[in-house]
C-alpha atoms as a PDB file:
ATOM      1  CA  UNK A   1      39.933  27.211 109.010  1.00  0.00           C
ATOM      2  CA  UNK A   2      40.725  30.702 110.315  1.00  0.00           C
ATOM      3  CA  UNK A   3      38.366  33.547 109.368  1.00  0.00           C
ATOM      4  CA  UNK A   4      40.122  35.783 106.867  1.00  0.00           C
ATOM      5  CA  UNK A   5      40.212  38.730 109.261  1.00  0.00           C
ATOM      6  CA  UNK A   6      42.318  36.678 111.667  1.00  0.00           C
ATOM      7  CA  UNK A   7      44.487  35.082 108.978  1.00  0.00           C
ATOM      8  CA  UNK A   8      45.330  38.297 107.134  1.00  0.00           C
ATOM      9  CA  UNK A   9      47.839  39.718 109.669  1.00  0.00           C
ATOM     10  CA  UNK A  10      49.727  36.419 109.502  1.00  0.00           C
ATOM     11  CA  UNK A  11      49.652  36.331 105.701  1.00  0.00           C
ATOM     12  CA  UNK A  12      50.778  39.949 105.444  1.00  0.00           C
ATOM     13  CA  UNK A  13      54.004  39.094 107.290  1.00  0.00           C
ATOM     14  CA  UNK A  14      55.023  36.861 104.385  1.00  0.00           C
ATOM     15  CA  UNK A  15      56.188  37.701 100.863  1.00  0.00           C
ATOM     16  CA  UNK A  16      53.179  38.893  98.862  1.00  0.00           C
ATOM     17  CA  UNK A  17      53.773  36.844  95.716  1.00  0.00           C
ATOM     18  CA  UNK A  18      54.564  33.645  97.614  1.00  0.00           C
ATOM     19  CA  UNK A  19      51.322  33.998  99.567  1.00  0.00           C
ATOM     20  CA  UNK A  20      49.486  34.601  96.296  1.00  0.00           C
ATOM     21  CA  UNK A  21      50.931  31.437  94.746  1.00  0.00           C
ATOM     22  CA  UNK A  22      50.254  29.339  97.841  1.00  0.00           C
ATOM     23  CA  UNK A  23      46.667  30.589  98.073  1.00  0.00           C
ATOM     24  CA  UNK A  24      45.963  29.727  94.431  1.00  0.00           C
ATOM     25  CA  UNK A  25      47.494  26.274  94.910  1.00  0.00           C
ATOM     26  CA  UNK A  26      45.296  25.693  97.980  1.00  0.00           C
ATOM     27  CA  UNK A  27      42.150  26.873  96.218  1.00  0.00           C
ATOM     28  CA  UNK A  28      42.864  24.720  93.168  1.00  0.00           C
ATOM     29  CA  UNK A  29      43.177  21.619  95.392  1.00  0.00           C
ATOM     30  CA  UNK A  30      40.380  22.520  97.839  1.00  0.00           C
ATOM     31  CA  UNK A  31      37.790  24.586  95.930  1.00  0.00           C
ATOM     32  CA  UNK A  32      35.101  23.776  98.517  1.00  0.00           C
ATOM     33  CA  UNK A  33      37.021  25.857 101.073  1.00  0.00           C
ATOM     34  CA  UNK A  34      36.124  29.005  99.123  1.00  0.00           C
ATOM     35  CA  UNK A  35      32.437  28.613  99.919  1.00  0.00           C
ATOM     36  CA  UNK A  36      33.196  28.262 103.631  1.00  0.00           C
ATOM     37  CA  UNK A  37      35.239  31.463 103.596  1.00  0.00           C
ATOM     38  CA  UNK A  38      32.751  33.469 101.532  1.00  0.00           C
ATOM     39  CA  UNK A  39      29.373  32.476 102.927  1.00  0.00           C
ATOM     40  CA  UNK A  40      26.154  32.258 100.919  1.00  0.00           C
ATOM     41  CA  UNK A  41      26.242  32.969  97.197  1.00  0.00           C
ATOM     42  CA  UNK A  42      24.056  35.842  96.010  1.00  0.00           C
ATOM     43  CA  UNK A  43      21.829  35.134  93.022  1.00  0.00           C
ATOM     44  CA  UNK A  44      20.927  38.365  91.255  1.00  0.00           C
ATOM     45  CA  UNK A  45      20.804  37.326  87.584  1.00  0.00           C
ATOM     46  CA  UNK A  46      21.610  39.814  84.857  1.00  0.00           C
ATOM     47  CA  UNK A  47      21.874  39.302  81.105  1.00  0.00           C
ATOM     48  CA  UNK A  48      24.494  41.327  79.260  1.00  0.00           C
ATOM     49  CA  UNK A  49      26.275  40.850  75.921  1.00  0.00           C
ATOM     50  CA  UNK A  50      24.168  37.742  75.378  1.00  0.00           C
ATOM     51  CA  UNK A  51      25.586  36.140  78.547  1.00  0.00           C
ATOM     52  CA  UNK A  52      23.779  35.223  81.776  1.00  0.00           C
ATOM     53  CA  UNK A  53      25.652  36.380  84.885  1.00  0.00           C
ATOM     54  CA  UNK A  54      24.690  34.980  88.295  1.00  0.00           C
ATOM     55  CA  UNK A  55      25.290  38.419  89.813  1.00  0.00           C
ATOM     56  CA  UNK A  56      27.079  41.637  88.898  1.00  0.00           C
ATOM     57  CA  UNK A  57      30.353  40.958  90.760  1.00  0.00           C
ATOM     58  CA  UNK A  58      33.302  39.412  88.925  1.00  0.00           C
ATOM     59  CA  UNK A  59      36.891  38.482  89.612  1.00  0.00           C
ATOM     60  CA  UNK A  60      39.267  40.846  87.817  1.00  0.00           C
ATOM     61  CA  UNK A  61      42.048  39.546  85.604  1.00  0.00           C
ATOM     62  CA  UNK A  62      45.466  39.230  87.178  1.00  0.00           C
ATOM     63  CA  UNK A  63      44.604  37.227  90.264  1.00  0.00           C
ATOM     64  CA  UNK A  64      44.262  33.826  88.562  1.00  0.00           C
ATOM     65  CA  UNK A  65      46.420  34.280  85.475  1.00  0.00           C
ATOM     66  CA  UNK A  66      46.448  30.635  84.406  1.00  0.00           C
ATOM     67  CA  UNK A  67      42.913  29.583  85.296  1.00  0.00           C
ATOM     68  CA  UNK A  68      44.033  27.299  88.112  1.00  0.00           C
ATOM     69  CA  UNK A  69      41.253  28.000  90.633  1.00  0.00           C
ATOM     70  CA  UNK A  70      38.143  28.814  88.600  1.00  0.00           C
ATOM     71  CA  UNK A  71      35.987  26.342  90.511  1.00  0.00           C
ATOM     72  CA  UNK A  72      37.003  27.929  93.815  1.00  0.00           C
ATOM     73  CA  UNK A  73      36.152  31.432  92.633  1.00  0.00           C
ATOM     74  CA  UNK A  74      32.827  30.138  91.344  1.00  0.00           C
ATOM     75  CA  UNK A  75      32.115  28.697  94.810  1.00  0.00           C
ATOM     76  CA  UNK A  76      33.244  31.992  96.336  1.00  0.00           C
ATOM     77  CA  UNK A  77      30.122  33.494  94.791  1.00  0.00           C
ATOM     78  CA  UNK A  78      31.479  35.504  91.876  1.00  0.00           C
ATOM     79  CA  UNK A  79      29.012  36.096  89.067  1.00  0.00           C
ATOM     80  CA  UNK A  80      31.825  35.754  86.547  1.00  0.00           C
ATOM     81  CA  UNK A  81      35.562  35.132  86.491  1.00  0.00           C
ATOM     82  CA  UNK A  82      38.170  36.723  84.233  1.00  0.00           C
ATOM     83  CA  UNK A  83      41.521  34.949  84.021  1.00  0.00           C
ATOM     84  CA  UNK A  84      44.823  36.049  82.499  1.00  0.00           C
ATOM     85  CA  UNK A  85      46.514  38.062  81.249  1.00  0.00           C
ATOM     86  CA  UNK A  86      47.506  35.226  78.884  1.00  0.00           C
ATOM     87  CA  UNK A  87      50.105  35.606  76.125  1.00  0.00           C
ATOM     88  CA  UNK A  88      50.709  33.412  73.048  1.00  0.00           C
ATOM     89  CA  UNK A  89      53.963  32.024  74.456  1.00  0.00           C
ATOM     90  CA  UNK A  90      54.808  31.300  78.105  1.00  0.00           C
ATOM     91  CA  UNK A  91      56.868  33.974  79.821  1.00  0.00           C
ATOM     92  CA  UNK A  92      58.292  34.416  83.326  1.00  0.00           C
ATOM     93  CA  UNK A  93      57.454  38.099  83.683  1.00  0.00           C
ATOM     94  CA  UNK A  94      59.655  40.670  85.356  1.00  0.00           C
ATOM     95  CA  UNK A  95      62.306  39.873  87.991  1.00  0.00           C
ATOM     96  CA  UNK A  96      61.235  39.395  91.603  1.00  0.00           C
ATOM     97  CA  UNK A  97      60.323  41.060  93.914  1.00  0.00           C
ATOM     98  CA  UNK A  98      57.472  42.469  91.844  1.00  0.00           C
ATOM     99  CA  UNK A  99      54.395  42.507  94.093  1.00  0.00           C
ATOM    100  CA  UNK A 100      54.172  44.832  97.089  1.00  0.00           C
ATOM    101  CA  UNK A 101      51.513  45.492  99.729  1.00  0.00           C
ATOM    102  CA  UNK A 102      50.850  49.022 100.938  1.00  0.00           C
ATOM    103  CA  UNK A 103      48.571  48.356 103.940  1.00  0.00           C
ATOM    104  CA  UNK A 104      48.455  51.976 105.171  1.00  0.00           C
ATOM    105  CA  UNK A 105      47.061  52.900 101.748  1.00  0.00           C
ATOM    106  CA  UNK A 106      44.994  49.697 101.312  1.00  0.00           C
ATOM    107  CA  UNK A 107      46.787  49.217  98.008  1.00  0.00           C
ATOM    108  CA  UNK A 108      49.094  46.989  95.981  1.00  0.00           C
ATOM    109  CA  UNK A 109      51.870  47.792  93.541  1.00  0.00           C
ATOM    110  CA  UNK A 110      52.661  45.137  90.973  1.00  0.00           C
ATOM    111  CA  UNK A 111      55.094  44.930  88.091  1.00  0.00           C
ATOM    112  CA  UNK A 112      54.503  41.252  87.339  1.00  0.00           C
ATOM    113  CA  UNK A 113      54.747  41.685  83.581  1.00  0.00           C
ATOM    114  CA  UNK A 114      52.226  39.157  82.224  1.00  0.00           C
ATOM    115  CA  UNK A 115      53.881  36.144  83.873  1.00  0.00           C
ATOM    116  CA  UNK A 116      51.860  33.157  82.633  1.00  0.00           C
ATOM    117  CA  UNK A 117      52.087  29.623  81.276  1.00  0.00           C
ATOM    118  CA  UNK A 118      51.083  30.602  77.743  1.00  0.00           C
ATOM    119  CA  UNK A 119      47.796  30.230  75.920  1.00  0.00           C
ATOM    120  CA  UNK A 120      48.276  26.565  74.923  1.00  0.00           C
ATOM    121  CA  UNK A 121      48.651  25.420  78.531  1.00  0.00           C
ATOM    122  CA  UNK A 122      45.769  27.560  79.750  1.00  0.00           C
ATOM    123  CA  UNK A 123      43.378  26.365  77.037  1.00  0.00           C
ATOM    124  CA  UNK A 124      44.326  22.729  77.698  1.00  0.00           C
ATOM    125  CA  UNK A 125      43.533  23.198  81.409  1.00  0.00           C
ATOM    126  CA  UNK A 126      40.202  24.875  80.688  1.00  0.00           C
ATOM    127  CA  UNK A 127      39.162  22.188  78.210  1.00  0.00           C
ATOM    128  CA  UNK A 128      39.278  19.536  80.932  1.00  0.00           C
ATOM    129  CA  UNK A 129      38.076  21.623  83.878  1.00  0.00           C
ATOM    130  CA  UNK A 130      34.361  21.635  84.773  1.00  0.00           C
ATOM    131  CA  UNK A 131      32.904  25.091  85.348  1.00  0.00           C
ATOM    132  CA  UNK A 132      29.550  26.798  85.746  1.00  0.00           C
ATOM    133  CA  UNK A 133      30.457  30.461  85.846  1.00  0.00           C
ATOM    134  CA  UNK A 134      30.795  32.922  82.968  1.00  0.00           C
ATOM    135  CA  UNK A 135      34.469  32.914  81.983  1.00  0.00           C
ATOM    136  CA  UNK A 136      36.418  35.765  80.451  1.00  0.00           C
ATOM    137  CA  UNK A 137      39.977  35.388  79.158  1.00  0.00           C
ATOM    138  CA  UNK A 138      42.227  38.441  79.186  1.00  0.00           C
ATOM    139  CA  UNK A 139      44.773  38.560  76.337  1.00  0.00           C
ATOM    140  CA  UNK A 140      48.099  40.364  76.081  1.00  0.00           C
ATOM    141  CA  UNK A 141      51.197  40.389  73.939  1.00  0.00           C
ATOM    142  CA  UNK A 142      54.531  38.773  74.746  1.00  0.00           C
ATOM    143  CA  UNK A 143      57.137  41.192  76.087  1.00  0.00           C
ATOM    144  CA  UNK A 144      59.571  40.422  73.252  1.00  0.00           C
ATOM    145  CA  UNK A 145      57.005  40.908  70.470  1.00  0.00           C
ATOM    146  CA  UNK A 146      57.738  44.238  68.736  1.00  0.00           C
ATOM    147  CA  UNK A 147      54.960  46.764  69.098  1.00  0.00           C
ATOM    148  CA  UNK A 148      54.391  46.886  65.343  1.00  0.00           C
ATOM    149  CA  UNK A 149      53.531  43.156  65.481  1.00  0.00           C
ATOM    150  CA  UNK A 150      51.473  43.291  68.688  1.00  0.00           C
ATOM    151  CA  UNK A 151      48.219  42.696  66.842  1.00  0.00           C
ATOM    152  CA  UNK A 152      49.553  39.306  65.711  1.00  0.00           C
ATOM    153  CA  UNK A 153      49.783  38.216  69.353  1.00  0.00           C
ATOM    154  CA  UNK A 154      46.224  39.342  70.102  1.00  0.00           C
ATOM    155  CA  UNK A 155      44.901  37.603  66.994  1.00  0.00           C
ATOM    156  CA  UNK A 156      46.758  34.412  67.905  1.00  0.00           C
ATOM    157  CA  UNK A 157      45.351  34.530  71.425  1.00  0.00           C
ATOM    158  CA  UNK A 158      41.829  35.169  70.201  1.00  0.00           C
ATOM    159  CA  UNK A 159      41.947  32.173  67.862  1.00  0.00           C
ATOM    160  CA  UNK A 160      43.253  29.898  70.620  1.00  0.00           C
ATOM    161  CA  UNK A 161      40.784  30.857  73.364  1.00  0.00           C
ATOM    162  CA  UNK A 162      37.674  31.346  71.250  1.00  0.00           C
ATOM    163  CA  UNK A 163      36.398  27.824  71.829  1.00  0.00           C
ATOM    164  CA  UNK A 164      36.670  27.934  75.643  1.00  0.00           C
ATOM    165  CA  UNK A 165      36.001  31.576  76.611  1.00  0.00           C
ATOM    166  CA  UNK A 166      32.573  33.139  77.123  1.00  0.00           C
ATOM    167  CA  UNK A 167      34.088  36.550  76.411  1.00  0.00           C
ATOM    168  CA  UNK A 168      37.546  37.862  75.555  1.00  0.00           C
ATOM    169  CA  UNK A 169      39.273  40.969  76.916  1.00  0.00           C
ATOM    170  CA  UNK A 170      42.011  42.776  75.006  1.00  0.00           C
ATOM    171  CA  UNK A 171      44.501  44.192  77.520  1.00  0.00           C
ATOM    172  CA  UNK A 172      46.322  47.202  76.064  1.00  0.00           C
ATOM    173  CA  UNK A 173      46.555  49.080  79.352  1.00  0.00           C
ATOM    174  CA  UNK A 174      49.000  47.296  81.671  1.00  0.00           C
ATOM    175  CA  UNK A 175      51.887  49.611  82.649  1.00  0.00           C
ATOM    176  CA  UNK A 176      54.237  46.648  83.126  1.00  0.00           C
ATOM    177  CA  UNK A 177      54.929  45.671  79.485  1.00  0.00           C
ATOM    178  CA  UNK A 178      57.085  48.249  77.736  1.00  0.00           C
ATOM    179  CA  UNK A 179      55.174  50.268  75.163  1.00  0.00           C
ATOM    180  CA  UNK A 180      51.893  48.401  75.633  1.00  0.00           C
ATOM    181  CA  UNK A 181      49.844  51.517  76.400  1.00  0.00           C
ATOM    182  CA  UNK A 182      50.942  52.994  73.052  1.00  0.00           C
ATOM    183  CA  UNK A 183      48.399  50.586  71.526  1.00  0.00           C
ATOM    184  CA  UNK A 184      45.716  52.928  72.893  1.00  0.00           C
ATOM    185  CA  UNK A 185      46.819  55.580  70.389  1.00  0.00           C
ATOM    186  CA  UNK A 186      44.161  56.241  67.767  1.00  0.00           C
ATOM    187  CA  UNK A 187      45.744  54.801  64.602  1.00  0.00           C
ATOM    188  CA  UNK A 188      47.149  51.649  66.167  1.00  0.00           C
ATOM    189  CA  UNK A 189      43.999  51.065  68.176  1.00  0.00           C
ATOM    190  CA  UNK A 190      41.727  51.313  65.160  1.00  0.00           C
ATOM    191  CA  UNK A 191      43.879  48.986  63.020  1.00  0.00           C
ATOM    192  CA  UNK A 192      43.940  46.368  65.785  1.00  0.00           C
ATOM    193  CA  UNK A 193      40.173  46.502  66.282  1.00  0.00           C
ATOM    194  CA  UNK A 194      39.545  46.108  62.565  1.00  0.00           C
ATOM    195  CA  UNK A 195      41.636  42.936  62.480  1.00  0.00           C
ATOM    196  CA  UNK A 196      40.120  41.549  65.680  1.00  0.00           C
ATOM    197  CA  UNK A 197      36.596  42.111  64.422  1.00  0.00           C
ATOM    198  CA  UNK A 198      37.405  40.410  61.117  1.00  0.00           C
ATOM    199  CA  UNK A 199      38.968  37.435  62.907  1.00  0.00           C
ATOM    200  CA  UNK A 200      35.967  37.218  65.239  1.00  0.00           C
ATOM    201  CA  UNK A 201      33.570  37.061  62.261  1.00  0.00           C
ATOM    202  CA  UNK A 202      35.536  34.133  60.826  1.00  0.00           C
ATOM    203  CA  UNK A 203      35.661  32.362  64.202  1.00  0.00           C
ATOM    204  CA  UNK A 204      31.936  32.922  64.786  1.00  0.00           C
ATOM    205  CA  UNK A 205      31.154  31.166  61.520  1.00  0.00           C
ATOM    206  CA  UNK A 206      33.446  28.275  62.412  1.00  0.00           C
ATOM    207  CA  UNK A 207      32.208  27.828  65.990  1.00  0.00           C
ATOM    208  CA  UNK A 208      28.598  28.858  65.487  1.00  0.00           C
ATOM    209  CA  UNK A 209      28.715  31.465  68.255  1.00  0.00           C
ATOM    210  CA  UNK A 210      29.762  35.114  68.455  1.00  0.00           C
ATOM    211  CA  UNK A 211      31.967  35.755  71.484  1.00  0.00           C
ATOM    212  CA  UNK A 212      31.907  39.253  72.957  1.00  0.00           C
ATOM    213  CA  UNK A 213      35.193  41.180  72.853  1.00  0.00           C
ATOM    214  CA  UNK A 214      35.956  43.876  75.427  1.00  0.00           C
ATOM    215  CA  UNK A 215      38.881  46.275  75.782  1.00  0.00           C
ATOM    216  CA  UNK A 216      40.473  47.122  79.144  1.00  0.00           C
ATOM    217  CA  UNK A 217      41.604  50.730  79.442  1.00  0.00           C
ATOM    218  CA  UNK A 218      44.102  52.643  81.573  1.00  0.00           C
ATOM    219  CA  UNK A 219      43.010  55.294  84.088  1.00  0.00           C
ATOM    220  CA  UNK A 220      45.894  57.589  83.156  1.00  0.00           C
ATOM    221  CA  UNK A 221      44.305  59.138  80.067  1.00  0.00           C
ATOM    222  CA  UNK A 222      42.659  62.469  79.411  1.00  0.00           C
ATOM    223  CA  UNK A 223      38.883  62.455  79.041  1.00  0.00           C
ATOM    224  CA  UNK A 224      39.206  63.322  75.359  1.00  0.00           C
ATOM    225  CA  UNK A 225      41.274  60.208  74.684  1.00  0.00           C
ATOM    226  CA  UNK A 226      38.821  58.013  76.603  1.00  0.00           C
ATOM    227  CA  UNK A 227      35.950  59.360  74.522  1.00  0.00           C
ATOM    228  CA  UNK A 228      37.858  58.790  71.286  1.00  0.00           C
ATOM    229  CA  UNK A 229      38.667  55.209  72.288  1.00  0.00           C
ATOM    230  CA  UNK A 230      35.035  54.550  73.219  1.00  0.00           C
ATOM    231  CA  UNK A 231      33.786  55.854  69.901  1.00  0.00           C
ATOM    232  CA  UNK A 232      36.342  53.820  67.962  1.00  0.00           C
ATOM    233  CA  UNK A 233      35.530  50.672  69.928  1.00  0.00           C
ATOM    234  CA  UNK A 234      31.814  50.964  69.202  1.00  0.00           C
ATOM    235  CA  UNK A 235      32.457  51.660  65.525  1.00  0.00           C
ATOM    236  CA  UNK A 236      34.473  48.448  65.160  1.00  0.00           C
ATOM    237  CA  UNK A 237      32.153  46.001  66.900  1.00  0.00           C
ATOM    238  CA  UNK A 238      33.759  45.905  70.356  1.00  0.00           C
ATOM    239  CA  UNK A 239      31.069  44.788  72.801  1.00  0.00           C
ATOM    240  CA  UNK A 240      32.136  46.632  75.930  1.00  0.00           C
ATOM    241  CA  UNK A 241      34.885  48.405  77.858  1.00  0.00           C
ATOM    242  CA  UNK A 242      36.524  47.711  81.213  1.00  0.00           C
ATOM    243  CA  UNK A 243      37.499  50.757  83.269  1.00  0.00           C
ATOM    244  CA  UNK A 244      40.186  50.557  84.531  1.00  0.00           C
ATOM    245  CA  UNK A 245      43.561  48.882  84.822  1.00  0.00           C
ATOM    246  CA  UNK A 246      46.152  49.930  87.428  1.00  0.00           C
ATOM    247  CA  UNK A 247      47.639  53.426  87.540  1.00  0.00           C
ATOM    248  CA  UNK A 248      51.177  54.783  87.372  1.00  0.00           C
ATOM    249  CA  UNK A 249      50.107  57.860  89.386  1.00  0.00           C
ATOM    250  CA  UNK A 250      51.245  58.160  93.014  1.00  0.00           C
ATOM    251  CA  UNK A 251      49.622  61.404  94.170  1.00  0.00           C
ATOM    252  CA  UNK A 252      48.260  61.453  97.701  1.00  0.00           C
ATOM    253  CA  UNK A 253      49.789  58.196  98.961  1.00  0.00           C
ATOM    254  CA  UNK A 254      50.655  57.900 102.625  1.00  0.00           C
ATOM    255  CA  UNK A 255      54.323  57.133 103.219  1.00  0.00           C
ATOM    256  CA  UNK A 256      55.226  53.520 103.997  1.00  0.00           C
ATOM    257  CA  UNK A 257      57.662  50.832 102.804  1.00  0.00           C
ATOM    258  CA  UNK A 258      57.445  50.000  99.077  1.00  0.00           C
ATOM    259  CA  UNK A 259      55.486  53.155  98.249  1.00  0.00           C
ATOM    260  CA  UNK A 260      58.218  54.215  95.828  1.00  0.00           C
ATOM    261  CA  UNK A 261      58.295  50.954  93.861  1.00  0.00           C
ATOM    262  CA  UNK A 262      57.572  51.108  90.144  1.00  0.00           C
ATOM    263  CA  UNK A 263      54.580  49.289  88.665  1.00  0.00           C
ATOM    264  CA  UNK A 264      50.822  49.543  88.560  1.00  0.00           C
ATOM    265  CA  UNK A 265      49.040  50.793  91.684  1.00  0.00           C
ATOM    266  CA  UNK A 266      45.687  49.232  92.605  1.00  0.00           C
ATOM    267  CA  UNK A 267      43.358  49.431  95.570  1.00  0.00           C
ATOM    268  CA  UNK A 268      41.745  52.324  97.416  1.00  0.00           C
ATOM    269  CA  UNK A 269      43.946  55.107  95.927  1.00  0.00           C
ATOM    270  CA  UNK A 270      42.761  54.136  92.428  1.00  0.00           C
ATOM    271  CA  UNK A 271      39.061  54.551  93.270  1.00  0.00           C
ATOM    272  CA  UNK A 272      38.625  58.181  92.246  1.00  0.00           C
ATOM    273  CA  UNK A 273      40.460  57.895  88.913  1.00  0.00           C
ATOM    274  CA  UNK A 274      38.755  54.635  87.949  1.00  0.00           C
ATOM    275  CA  UNK A 275      35.314  55.968  88.823  1.00  0.00           C
ATOM    276  CA  UNK A 276      35.990  59.200  86.940  1.00  0.00           C
ATOM    277  CA  UNK A 277      37.062  57.291  83.828  1.00  0.00           C
ATOM    278  CA  UNK A 278      33.909  55.216  84.049  1.00  0.00           C
ATOM    279  CA  UNK A 279      31.711  58.323  84.280  1.00  0.00           C
ATOM    280  CA  UNK A 280      33.438  59.776  81.226  1.00  0.00           C
ATOM    281  CA  UNK A 281      32.896  56.584  79.258  1.00  0.00           C
ATOM    282  CA  UNK A 282      29.242  56.278  80.263  1.00  0.00           C
ATOM    283  CA  UNK A 283      28.574  59.830  79.159  1.00  0.00           C
ATOM    284  CA  UNK A 284      30.267  59.081  75.835  1.00  0.00           C
ATOM    285  CA  UNK A 285      28.563  55.776  74.987  1.00  0.00           C
ATOM    286  CA  UNK A 286      25.076  56.324  76.363  1.00  0.00           C
ATOM    287  CA  UNK A 287      23.014  54.095  78.678  1.00  0.00           C
ATOM    288  CA  UNK A 288      23.005  50.808  76.764  1.00  0.00           C
ATOM    289  CA  UNK A 289      26.658  50.060  75.967  1.00  0.00           C
ATOM    290  CA  UNK A 290      28.222  47.511  78.397  1.00  0.00           C
ATOM    291  CA  UNK A 291      30.775  48.900  80.838  1.00  0.00           C
ATOM    292  CA  UNK A 292      32.581  47.022  83.618  1.00  0.00           C
ATOM    293  CA  UNK A 293      33.911  49.022  86.565  1.00  0.00           C
ATOM    294  CA  UNK A 294      37.067  47.921  88.371  1.00  0.00           C
ATOM    295  CA  UNK A 295      39.679  49.621  90.519  1.00  0.00           C
ATOM    296  CA  UNK A 296      39.517  50.545  94.187  1.00  0.00           C
ATOM    297  CA  UNK A 297      36.276  48.762  95.048  1.00  0.00           C
ATOM    298  CA  UNK A 298      36.815  47.907  98.704  1.00  0.00           C
ATOM    299  CA  UNK A 299      33.273  47.842 100.134  1.00  0.00           C
ATOM    300  CA  UNK A 300      29.568  47.611  99.367  1.00  0.00           C
ATOM    301  CA  UNK A 301      29.427  51.410  99.300  1.00  0.00           C
ATOM    302  CA  UNK A 302      32.156  51.469  96.647  1.00  0.00           C
ATOM    303  CA  UNK A 303      30.224  48.904  94.595  1.00  0.00           C
ATOM    304  CA  UNK A 304      27.049  51.012  94.745  1.00  0.00           C
ATOM    305  CA  UNK A 305      28.985  54.139  93.771  1.00  0.00           C
ATOM    306  CA  UNK A 306      30.523  52.380  90.777  1.00  0.00           C
ATOM    307  CA  UNK A 307      27.107  51.183  89.666  1.00  0.00           C
ATOM    308  CA  UNK A 308      25.764  54.725  90.009  1.00  0.00           C
ATOM    309  CA  UNK A 309      28.700  55.953  87.911  1.00  0.00           C
ATOM    310  CA  UNK A 310      27.584  53.705  85.068  1.00  0.00           C
ATOM    311  CA  UNK A 311      28.953  50.207  85.606  1.00  0.00           C
ATOM    312  CA  UNK A 312      26.778  47.315  84.459  1.00  0.00           C
ATOM    313  CA  UNK A 313      29.130  44.896  86.208  1.00  0.00           C
ATOM    314  CA  UNK A 314      32.042  45.339  88.606  1.00  0.00           C
ATOM    315  CA  UNK A 315      35.235  43.387  89.276  1.00  0.00           C
ATOM    316  CA  UNK A 316      37.316  42.872  92.416  1.00  0.00           C
ATOM    317  CA  UNK A 317      40.989  42.122  93.015  1.00  0.00           C
ATOM    318  CA  UNK A 318      42.804  44.238  95.610  1.00  0.00           C
ATOM    319  CA  UNK A 319      39.667  44.601  97.719  1.00  0.00           C
ATOM    320  CA  UNK A 320      39.609  40.819  97.957  1.00  0.00           C
ATOM    321  CA  UNK A 321      43.176  40.830  99.326  1.00  0.00           C
ATOM    322  CA  UNK A 322      42.315  43.352 102.030  1.00  0.00           C
ATOM    323  CA  UNK A 323      38.740  42.362 102.859  1.00  0.00           C
ATOM    324  CA  UNK A 324      38.673  38.654 102.076  1.00  0.00           C
ATOM    325  CA  UNK A 325      36.091  36.473 100.282  1.00  0.00           C
ATOM    326  CA  UNK A 326      33.070  37.868 102.136  1.00  0.00           C
ATOM    327  CA  UNK A 327      33.474  41.065 100.118  1.00  0.00           C
ATOM    328  CA  UNK A 328      32.046  39.207  97.100  1.00  0.00           C
ATOM    329  CA  UNK A 329      28.646  38.606  98.664  1.00  0.00           C
ATOM    330  CA  UNK A 330      28.659  42.000 100.353  1.00  0.00           C
ATOM    331  CA  UNK A 331      29.040  43.748  96.984  1.00  0.00           C
ATOM    332  CA  UNK A 332      26.603  41.429  95.201  1.00  0.00           C
ATOM    333  CA  UNK A 333      23.927  42.073  97.815  1.00  0.00           C
ATOM    334  CA  UNK A 334      24.519  45.808  97.611  1.00  0.00           C
ATOM    335  CA  UNK A 335      24.078  45.795  93.837  1.00  0.00           C
ATOM    336  CA  UNK A 336      20.983  43.615  94.048  1.00  0.00           C
ATOM    337  CA  UNK A 337      19.248  45.713  96.679  1.00  0.00           C
END
């Protein structure tokens, strides 16, 4: 098995989404290979939201949308894994090509559009799959669900995944589903949270356990809006916030093929905006409210900086594509030092 540093130039010559699909298929069939690629797992236990995390480094949503390779990511050393985004009904997402590498910028642009097998298929897979790691499930709405009925999709998803998830993330911040970010507006946001909290109370009684709910936010908001969202989330029982999703901003990018493609930008160029949003949120919610930092974490130094900015946990995605599985342990060790 080639070290990732040697394999990456070969992989980067191929279509990004096809490589992504092939890698997930390989990991789902050969989960033990993940441990060989990643090296020793770091145990730095932390308890947050009533959950016990092996370490502070998680897999961000979007990489394993359908929960096909959870065992492999567990063996890769992640302290927790977030799958999805999952929608109530299966959907193909946006037309291809829709995933683009920007190696000069150490970035990705994606406009996948919540392509997934639907919540029924994902829950069925999880119910029969052994796992040890903390599992989050990221929920979205179907593209053809009108915005005024979006909350119905999130409620349906919550009810379906409640029995198999350790925590649930509400994704209202992807730039690749038309109108989705409008759900971050004050009135709509508050109404949705009220209904989610009520549904969660009913589900907690039925299942005998209260699952944490988090909200994932966009980096392209003014500080005032971030603060308002944080205050509303706390007032309606939301257990934590994830900062941030991908950005639609393109300032400062180096010129290269695909740099002008539409979609959400992730990777190194997102670092400053994501870290700034996190600092704003931490200042707004105080020291004890759970925050997860994600976006542009490409090294141990980035992980330490995000922790210093207020993150209780961090998540990786694009850094994993550019640095490979050893980044997981590198970041976990840095945060445990």
